[in-house]
């Protein structure tokens, strides 16, 4: 089942600081819920794992991420990822990120990703998995923003040791369901005012 993400977020930090942060796997992994970096194989290849808990199901994927394109001048990163779960599930995908100066100051980060996921987590359905993925990305973006903006205030950015705990997706599921209800109510209210 394919999942797609297309997200943009703003950071009150210079482009070069954001770019350097996103190229450092030790920094990025501290912002990714449920993720851990196992090994840096080279400048463009990393081994790691991520755990997601949805109700009684915990899915733990071990895998590899590769930078397939790093354009320092254009501030574009393209990567592929693939992982397997002990119970036989798989996850693979691609992601492209572009970092650029924002007209109002700071930096905009644009990310586009596609992922193909199989295994036990798919019993929750495409819509729910899509929603959980979007909420996970928002958590990642908020963490990146917080760390980079703190550094602008004089707090050095150093990799932090994070205790890896599975992402408890119940809160993410509830946010996803709530966002769906709010969206439905807005559409219904718009139809009512158009009548």
Protein backbone atom coordinates (compact mmCIF):
# COMPACT_ATOMS: atom_id res chain seq x y z
CA UNK A 1 0.00 0.00 0.00
CA UNK A 2 1.51 3.34 -1.09
CA UNK A 3 1.58 6.35 1.20
CA UNK A 4 2.53 9.85 0.04
CA UNK A 5 3.54 12.94 1.99
CA UNK A 6 4.05 16.48 0.75
CA UNK A 7 4.92 18.82 3.62
CA UNK A 8 6.55 22.21 4.13
CA UNK A 9 7.75 23.73 7.38
CA UNK A 10 9.47 26.97 8.39
CA UNK A 11 12.53 27.34 10.62
CA UNK A 12 13.79 30.67 12.01
CA UNK A 13 17.40 29.79 11.22
CA UNK A 14 19.75 30.40 8.27
CA UNK A 15 19.67 28.05 5.28
CA UNK A 16 23.23 26.82 5.91
CA UNK A 17 22.42 25.83 9.51
CA UNK A 18 19.27 23.93 8.44
CA UNK A 19 21.12 22.26 5.55
CA UNK A 20 24.00 21.10 7.78
CA UNK A 21 21.53 19.75 10.36
CA UNK A 22 19.54 17.73 7.81
CA UNK A 23 22.74 16.16 6.43
CA UNK A 24 23.80 14.90 9.86
CA UNK A 25 22.16 11.53 10.65
CA UNK A 26 23.14 11.85 14.33
CA UNK A 27 21.06 15.04 14.55
CA UNK A 28 18.14 13.94 12.39
CA UNK A 29 17.54 10.68 14.26
CA UNK A 30 17.04 12.57 17.54
CA UNK A 31 14.05 14.31 15.94
CA UNK A 32 12.43 11.19 14.47
CA UNK A 33 9.92 9.61 16.88
CA UNK A 34 10.76 5.96 17.64
CA UNK A 35 13.96 5.95 15.55
CA UNK A 36 17.53 4.96 16.39
CA UNK A 37 20.75 5.14 14.36
CA UNK A 38 22.65 1.85 14.45
CA UNK A 39 25.61 2.57 12.17
CA UNK A 40 26.99 5.17 9.77
CA UNK A 41 28.26 3.04 6.88
CA UNK A 42 29.66 5.96 4.87
CA UNK A 43 28.93 9.58 4.00
CA UNK A 44 25.76 8.56 2.22
CA UNK A 45 24.57 5.33 3.88
CA UNK A 46 23.12 4.68 7.34
CA UNK A 47 21.65 1.71 9.19
CA UNK A 48 18.92 2.17 11.76
CA UNK A 49 15.59 1.07 13.13
CA UNK A 50 12.21 2.50 14.01
CA UNK A 51 9.46 1.18 16.28
CA UNK A 52 5.77 2.04 16.01
CA UNK A 53 3.13 0.85 18.49
CA UNK A 54 -0.51 0.94 17.41
CA UNK A 55 -2.73 -0.53 20.11
CA UNK A 56 -1.52 -4.08 20.78
CA UNK A 57 0.72 -4.15 17.69
CA UNK A 58 4.37 -3.06 17.82
CA UNK A 59 6.08 -2.98 14.45
CA UNK A 60 9.88 -2.71 14.56
CA UNK A 61 11.64 -2.13 11.24
CA UNK A 62 15.41 -2.47 10.73
CA UNK A 63 16.78 -0.97 7.57
CA UNK A 64 19.04 1.17 5.48
CA UNK A 65 18.86 4.78 4.28
CA UNK A 66 20.95 6.01 1.34
CA UNK A 67 21.43 9.51 0.02
CA UNK A 68 21.00 9.14 -3.74
CA UNK A 69 21.53 12.85 -4.44
CA UNK A 70 23.09 15.62 -2.38
CA UNK A 71 23.08 18.95 -4.23
CA UNK A 72 24.95 21.36 -1.95
CA UNK A 73 24.44 24.31 -4.29
CA UNK A 74 20.71 23.80 -4.75
CA UNK A 75 20.21 22.47 -1.19
CA UNK A 76 18.41 19.33 -2.38
CA UNK A 77 18.66 15.89 -0.76
CA UNK A 78 17.16 12.75 -2.27
CA UNK A 79 17.20 9.46 -0.42
CA UNK A 80 15.87 5.93 -0.47
CA UNK A 81 15.00 3.77 2.53
CA UNK A 82 14.18 0.11 2.93
CA UNK A 83 13.49 -1.95 5.99
CA UNK A 84 12.08 -5.24 7.18
CA UNK A 85 10.10 -6.25 10.23
CA UNK A 86 10.75 -9.47 12.16
CA UNK A 87 7.19 -10.66 11.41
CA UNK A 88 7.76 -10.32 7.66
CA UNK A 89 6.46 -6.81 6.97
CA UNK A 90 8.44 -4.45 4.79
CA UNK A 91 8.76 -0.72 4.29
CA UNK A 92 10.48 1.08 1.44
CA UNK A 93 10.34 4.56 0.08
CA UNK A 94 11.93 7.66 -1.32
CA UNK A 95 12.15 11.20 -0.04
CA UNK A 96 13.23 14.47 -1.57
CA UNK A 97 13.89 17.56 0.57
CA UNK A 98 14.61 21.08 -0.62
CA UNK A 99 15.88 23.82 1.67
CA UNK A 100 15.52 27.46 0.63
CA UNK A 101 15.55 30.94 2.09
CA UNK A 102 12.10 32.17 3.04
CA UNK A 103 11.04 35.64 1.76
CA UNK A 104 10.01 36.62 5.30
CA UNK A 105 13.32 35.42 6.78
CA UNK A 106 14.49 32.06 7.99
CA UNK A 107 14.28 28.87 5.96
CA UNK A 108 11.58 26.80 4.29
CA UNK A 109 11.98 23.02 4.13
CA UNK A 110 9.91 21.25 1.47
CA UNK A 111 9.68 17.46 1.70
CA UNK A 112 8.02 14.96 -0.61
CA UNK A 113 7.97 11.28 0.25
CA UNK A 114 6.41 8.07 -0.96
CA UNK A 115 6.44 4.83 0.99
CA UNK A 116 5.23 1.30 0.41
CA UNK A 117 4.36 -0.58 3.62
CA UNK A 118 3.32 -4.20 4.12
CA UNK A 119 2.69 -6.30 7.21
CA UNK A 120 0.56 -6.24 10.34
CA UNK A 121 0.23 -2.45 10.61
CA UNK A 122 -1.73 -2.39 7.35
CA UNK A 123 -4.77 -3.88 9.10
CA UNK A 124 -5.50 -0.32 10.26
CA UNK A 125 -6.13 0.76 6.67
CA UNK A 126 -4.55 3.20 4.26
CA UNK A 127 -6.30 6.32 5.58
CA UNK A 128 -5.23 5.71 9.16
CA UNK A 129 -1.62 4.87 8.21
CA UNK A 130 -1.50 7.99 6.00
CA UNK A 131 -2.76 10.11 8.91
CA UNK A 132 -0.28 8.59 11.35
CA UNK A 133 2.56 9.23 8.88
CA UNK A 134 1.53 12.88 8.56
CA UNK A 135 1.40 13.29 12.36
CA UNK A 136 4.84 11.66 12.71
CA UNK A 137 6.25 14.08 10.13
CA UNK A 138 4.73 17.04 12.01
CA UNK A 139 6.43 15.83 15.21
CA UNK A 140 9.71 15.52 13.30
CA UNK A 141 9.36 19.03 11.83
CA UNK A 142 8.50 20.51 15.24
CA UNK A 143 11.55 18.86 16.82
CA UNK A 144 13.91 20.03 14.03
CA UNK A 145 12.49 23.55 14.31
CA UNK A 146 12.83 23.60 18.10
CA UNK A 147 16.45 22.43 18.07
CA UNK A 148 17.57 24.75 15.27
CA UNK A 149 15.79 27.80 16.69
CA UNK A 150 17.26 27.11 20.16
CA UNK A 151 20.69 27.12 18.53
CA UNK A 152 19.98 30.59 17.14
CA UNK A 153 19.51 31.69 20.74
CA UNK A 154 23.02 30.49 21.61
CA UNK A 155 22.25 26.90 22.62
CA UNK A 156 24.74 24.68 20.75
CA UNK A 157 23.27 21.89 18.63
CA UNK A 158 24.79 18.68 19.82
CA UNK A 159 23.46 15.20 19.24
CA UNK A 160 21.50 14.14 22.29
CA UNK A 161 21.22 10.61 23.57
CA UNK A 162 17.57 9.68 23.20
CA UNK A 163 16.05 6.64 24.85
CA UNK A 164 14.35 4.76 22.05
CA UNK A 165 10.75 3.97 22.82
CA UNK A 166 8.21 2.79 20.29
CA UNK A 167 6.03 5.58 18.96
CA UNK A 168 2.72 5.14 20.73
CA UNK A 169 0.47 5.75 17.78
CA UNK A 170 -2.75 5.90 19.84
CA UNK A 171 -2.31 9.66 20.32
CA UNK A 172 -1.49 9.96 16.62
CA UNK A 173 -4.58 7.93 15.73
CA UNK A 174 -6.74 10.18 17.91
CA UNK A 175 -5.30 13.31 16.25
CA UNK A 176 -5.90 11.75 12.85
CA UNK A 177 -9.51 10.88 13.69
CA UNK A 178 -10.08 14.36 15.16
CA UNK A 179 -8.61 16.03 12.06
CA UNK A 180 -10.98 13.93 9.91
CA UNK A 181 -14.00 14.92 12.02
CA UNK A 182 -13.05 18.63 11.89
CA UNK A 183 -12.56 18.41 8.12
CA UNK A 184 -15.96 16.75 7.67
CA UNK A 185 -17.69 19.37 9.83
CA UNK A 186 -16.05 22.20 7.86
CA UNK A 187 -17.23 20.69 4.56
CA UNK A 188 -20.76 20.25 5.92
CA UNK A 189 -20.85 23.82 7.24
CA UNK A 190 -19.62 25.18 3.90
CA UNK A 191 -22.35 23.26 2.06
CA UNK A 192 -24.96 24.61 4.49
CA UNK A 193 -23.85 28.22 3.98
CA UNK A 194 -23.81 27.77 0.17
CA UNK A 195 -27.45 26.62 0.16
